Amino acid sequence: MEKVQDKITEGFKITGNWEKQSKSLKEKFPSLTDSDLKFEPGKEKELISRVGSRLNKKEEEVTNIIKKGLEVKS
């Protein structure tokens, strides 16, 4: 049985200028490192997991933070 969090991140895709978005995230969350924000297409779940671990937030929260940032920056 699939977890709810897996369903949330499964359909989540990062599009647009990730470099710009990651800089914005680092400004909002100074504890994030370049390594935390390293992104490879198709590996959104790994990115969300790293960021969630660093910020001590659930995957759903991280997904929402990134989605909001992408909407504003796009």
N, C-alpha and C. Protein backbone atom coordinates (compact mmCIF):
# COMPACT_ATOMS: atom_id res chain seq x y z
N MET A 1 0.84 -1.20 0.00
CA MET A 1 0.00 0.00 0.00
C MET A 1 0.88 1.25 0.00
N GLU A 2 0.57 2.16 -0.89
CA GLU A 2 1.35 3.37 -1.04
C GLU A 2 1.05 4.36 0.09
N LYS A 3 2.09 5.02 0.58
CA LYS A 3 1.92 6.04 1.61
C LYS A 3 1.33 7.30 0.97
N VAL A 4 0.63 8.08 1.79
CA VAL A 4 0.07 9.35 1.31
C VAL A 4 1.18 10.26 0.83
N GLN A 5 2.30 10.31 1.57
CA GLN A 5 3.40 11.18 1.18
C GLN A 5 3.98 10.78 -0.17
N ASP A 6 4.02 9.48 -0.46
CA ASP A 6 4.52 9.04 -1.75
C ASP A 6 3.63 9.55 -2.88
N LYS A 7 2.32 9.56 -2.64
CA LYS A 7 1.39 10.06 -3.65
C LYS A 7 1.58 11.56 -3.89
N ILE A 8 1.89 12.28 -2.82
CA ILE A 8 2.09 13.73 -2.93
C ILE A 8 3.31 14.04 -3.78
N THR A 9 4.41 13.33 -3.53
CA THR A 9 5.64 13.63 -4.25
C THR A 9 5.72 12.93 -5.60
N GLU A 10 4.94 11.88 -5.79
CA GLU A 10 4.99 11.10 -7.03
C GLU A 10 4.71 11.94 -8.26
N GLY A 11 3.67 12.76 -8.23
CA GLY A 11 3.29 13.56 -9.39
C GLY A 11 3.95 14.93 -9.42
N PHE A 12 4.81 15.21 -8.46
CA PHE A 12 5.45 16.51 -8.36
C PHE A 12 6.66 16.58 -9.27
N LYS A 13 6.69 17.56 -10.14
CA LYS A 13 7.81 17.76 -11.05
C LYS A 13 8.29 19.20 -10.95
N ILE A 14 9.58 19.36 -10.94
CA ILE A 14 10.16 20.70 -10.90
C ILE A 14 10.39 21.15 -12.33
N THR A 15 9.84 22.31 -12.65
CA THR A 15 10.03 22.89 -13.98
C THR A 15 10.52 24.31 -13.81
N GLY A 16 11.01 24.88 -14.85
CA GLY A 16 11.46 26.26 -14.79
C GLY A 16 12.91 26.36 -14.33
N ASN A 17 13.26 27.51 -13.82
CA ASN A 17 14.62 27.82 -13.45
C ASN A 17 14.91 27.37 -12.01
N TRP A 18 15.42 26.14 -11.87
CA TRP A 18 15.68 25.61 -10.53
C TRP A 18 16.81 26.38 -9.85
N GLU A 19 17.79 26.85 -10.59
CA GLU A 19 18.90 27.59 -10.00
C GLU A 19 18.38 28.83 -9.27
N LYS A 20 17.49 29.55 -9.91
CA LYS A 20 16.90 30.74 -9.30
C LYS A 20 16.05 30.37 -8.08
N GLN A 21 15.26 29.30 -8.21
CA GLN A 21 14.42 28.85 -7.11
C GLN A 21 15.27 28.40 -5.92
N SER A 22 16.35 27.69 -6.19
CA SER A 22 17.18 27.20 -5.09
C SER A 22 17.84 28.36 -4.35
N LYS A 23 18.23 29.39 -5.07
CA LYS A 23 18.80 30.58 -4.41
C LYS A 23 17.77 31.23 -3.50
N SER A 24 16.55 31.30 -3.98
CA SER A 24 15.46 31.88 -3.17
C SER A 24 15.24 31.04 -1.90
N LEU A 25 15.26 29.73 -2.05
CA LEU A 25 15.09 28.85 -0.89
C LEU A 25 16.22 29.02 0.12
N LYS A 26 17.44 29.19 -0.39
CA LYS A 26 18.58 29.39 0.52
C LYS A 26 18.46 30.71 1.28
N GLU A 27 17.88 31.72 0.65
CA GLU A 27 17.67 32.99 1.33
C GLU A 27 16.63 32.84 2.44
N LYS A 28 15.56 32.12 2.15
CA LYS A 28 14.49 31.92 3.14
C LYS A 28 14.90 30.95 4.24
N PHE A 29 15.72 29.97 3.88
CA PHE A 29 16.13 28.92 4.81
C PHE A 29 17.66 28.80 4.76
N PRO A 30 18.36 29.66 5.51
CA PRO A 30 19.83 29.68 5.45
C PRO A 30 20.51 28.37 5.83
N SER A 31 19.82 27.48 6.50
CA SER A 31 20.43 26.21 6.89
C SER A 31 20.59 25.26 5.70
N LEU A 32 19.92 25.55 4.58
CA LEU A 32 20.03 24.70 3.40
C LEU A 32 21.39 24.91 2.73
N THR A 33 21.96 23.81 2.26
CA THR A 33 23.25 23.87 1.57
C THR A 33 23.06 23.60 0.08
N ASP A 34 24.09 23.88 -0.69
CA ASP A 34 24.05 23.57 -2.13
C ASP A 34 23.80 22.07 -2.33
N SER A 35 24.40 21.28 -1.48
CA SER A 35 24.24 19.82 -1.56
C SER A 35 22.77 19.42 -1.31
N ASP A 36 22.13 20.07 -0.34
CA ASP A 36 20.71 19.79 -0.07
C ASP A 36 19.85 20.10 -1.28
N LEU A 37 20.21 21.14 -2.01
CA LEU A 37 19.39 21.64 -3.11
C LEU A 37 19.81 21.13 -4.48
N LYS A 38 20.78 20.22 -4.51
CA LYS A 38 21.21 19.64 -5.79
C LYS A 38 20.03 18.89 -6.39
N PHE A 39 19.72 19.21 -7.64
CA PHE A 39 18.56 18.62 -8.29
C PHE A 39 18.93 17.97 -9.61
N GLU A 40 18.43 16.76 -9.79
CA GLU A 40 18.55 16.06 -11.06
C GLU A 40 17.14 15.75 -11.54
N PRO A 41 16.83 16.05 -12.79
CA PRO A 41 15.48 15.77 -13.31
C PRO A 41 15.07 14.32 -13.04
N GLY A 42 13.84 14.17 -12.58
CA GLY A 42 13.31 12.86 -12.27
C GLY A 42 13.61 12.40 -10.86
N LYS A 43 14.39 13.18 -10.12
CA LYS A 43 14.74 12.80 -8.75
C LYS A 43 14.19 13.81 -7.74
N GLU A 44 12.98 14.27 -7.99
CA GLU A 44 12.34 15.23 -7.10
C GLU A 44 12.18 14.66 -5.68
N LYS A 45 11.84 13.40 -5.59
CA LYS A 45 11.61 12.79 -4.28
C LYS A 45 12.86 12.85 -3.40
N GLU A 46 14.03 12.60 -4.00
CA GLU A 46 15.27 12.67 -3.25
C GLU A 46 15.55 14.09 -2.76
N LEU A 47 15.30 15.06 -3.63
CA LEU A 47 15.48 16.46 -3.27
C LEU A 47 14.56 16.83 -2.10
N ILE A 48 13.31 16.46 -2.21
CA ILE A 48 12.33 16.78 -1.17
C ILE A 48 12.73 16.12 0.15
N SER A 49 13.21 14.91 0.08
CA SER A 49 13.65 14.20 1.28
C SER A 49 14.83 14.90 1.95
N ARG A 50 15.82 15.32 1.15
CA ARG A 50 16.99 16.02 1.72
C ARG A 50 16.59 17.33 2.37
N VAL A 51 15.78 18.11 1.65
CA VAL A 51 15.36 19.42 2.17
C VAL A 51 14.51 19.22 3.42
N GLY A 52 13.60 18.26 3.39
CA GLY A 52 12.76 17.99 4.56
C GLY A 52 13.58 17.59 5.76
N SER A 53 14.58 16.79 5.54
CA SER A 53 15.45 16.36 6.63
C SER A 53 16.20 17.55 7.23
N ARG A 54 16.73 18.40 6.37
CA ARG A 54 17.49 19.56 6.83
C ARG A 54 16.60 20.55 7.60
N LEU A 55 15.37 20.76 7.09
CA LEU A 55 14.47 21.74 7.70
C LEU A 55 13.58 21.14 8.79
N ASN A 56 13.68 19.82 8.96
CA ASN A 56 12.84 19.12 9.92
C ASN A 56 11.36 19.33 9.60
N LYS A 57 11.03 19.15 8.32
CA LYS A 57 9.66 19.32 7.85
C LYS A 57 9.24 18.05 7.09
N LYS A 58 7.94 17.81 7.07
CA LYS A 58 7.40 16.67 6.34
C LYS A 58 7.51 16.92 4.84
N GLU A 59 7.52 15.83 4.08
CA GLU A 59 7.63 15.95 2.62
C GLU A 59 6.53 16.82 2.03
N GLU A 60 5.33 16.70 2.57
CA GLU A 60 4.21 17.51 2.07
C GLU A 60 4.49 19.00 2.25
N GLU A 61 5.04 19.37 3.40
CA GLU A 61 5.36 20.77 3.66
C GLU A 61 6.42 21.28 2.68
N VAL A 62 7.45 20.47 2.47
CA VAL A 62 8.52 20.86 1.55
C VAL A 62 7.98 21.01 0.13
N THR A 63 7.15 20.07 -0.29
CA THR A 63 6.55 20.13 -1.61
C THR A 63 5.77 21.43 -1.78
N ASN A 64 4.99 21.79 -0.78
CA ASN A 64 4.20 23.03 -0.84
C ASN A 64 5.10 24.26 -0.88
N ILE A 65 6.18 24.26 -0.12
CA ILE A 65 7.12 25.39 -0.12
C ILE A 65 7.70 25.56 -1.52
N ILE A 66 8.13 24.46 -2.12
CA ILE A 66 8.74 24.52 -3.46
C ILE A 66 7.71 24.93 -4.51
N LYS A 67 6.50 24.36 -4.42
CA LYS A 67 5.45 24.72 -5.38
C LYS A 67 5.14 26.21 -5.33
N LYS A 68 5.01 26.75 -4.13
CA LYS A 68 4.72 28.18 -3.99
C LYS A 68 5.83 29.02 -4.60
N GLY A 69 7.05 28.63 -4.38
CA GLY A 69 8.20 29.35 -4.93
C GLY A 69 8.23 29.30 -6.44
N LEU A 70 7.90 28.15 -7.00
CA LEU A 70 7.91 28.00 -8.46
C LEU A 70 6.81 28.83 -9.09
N GLU A 71 5.65 28.92 -8.44
CA GLU A 71 4.55 29.73 -8.97
C GLU A 71 4.92 31.20 -9.01
N VAL A 72 5.58 31.66 -7.96
CA VAL A 72 5.96 33.07 -7.87
C VAL A 72 7.05 33.40 -8.88
N LYS A 73 8.01 32.50 -9.06
CA LYS A 73 9.17 32.77 -9.91
C LYS A 73 8.92 32.54 -11.39
N SER A 74 7.94 31.71 -11.73
CA SER A 74 7.72 31.35 -13.14
C SER A 74 7.17 32.50 -13.95
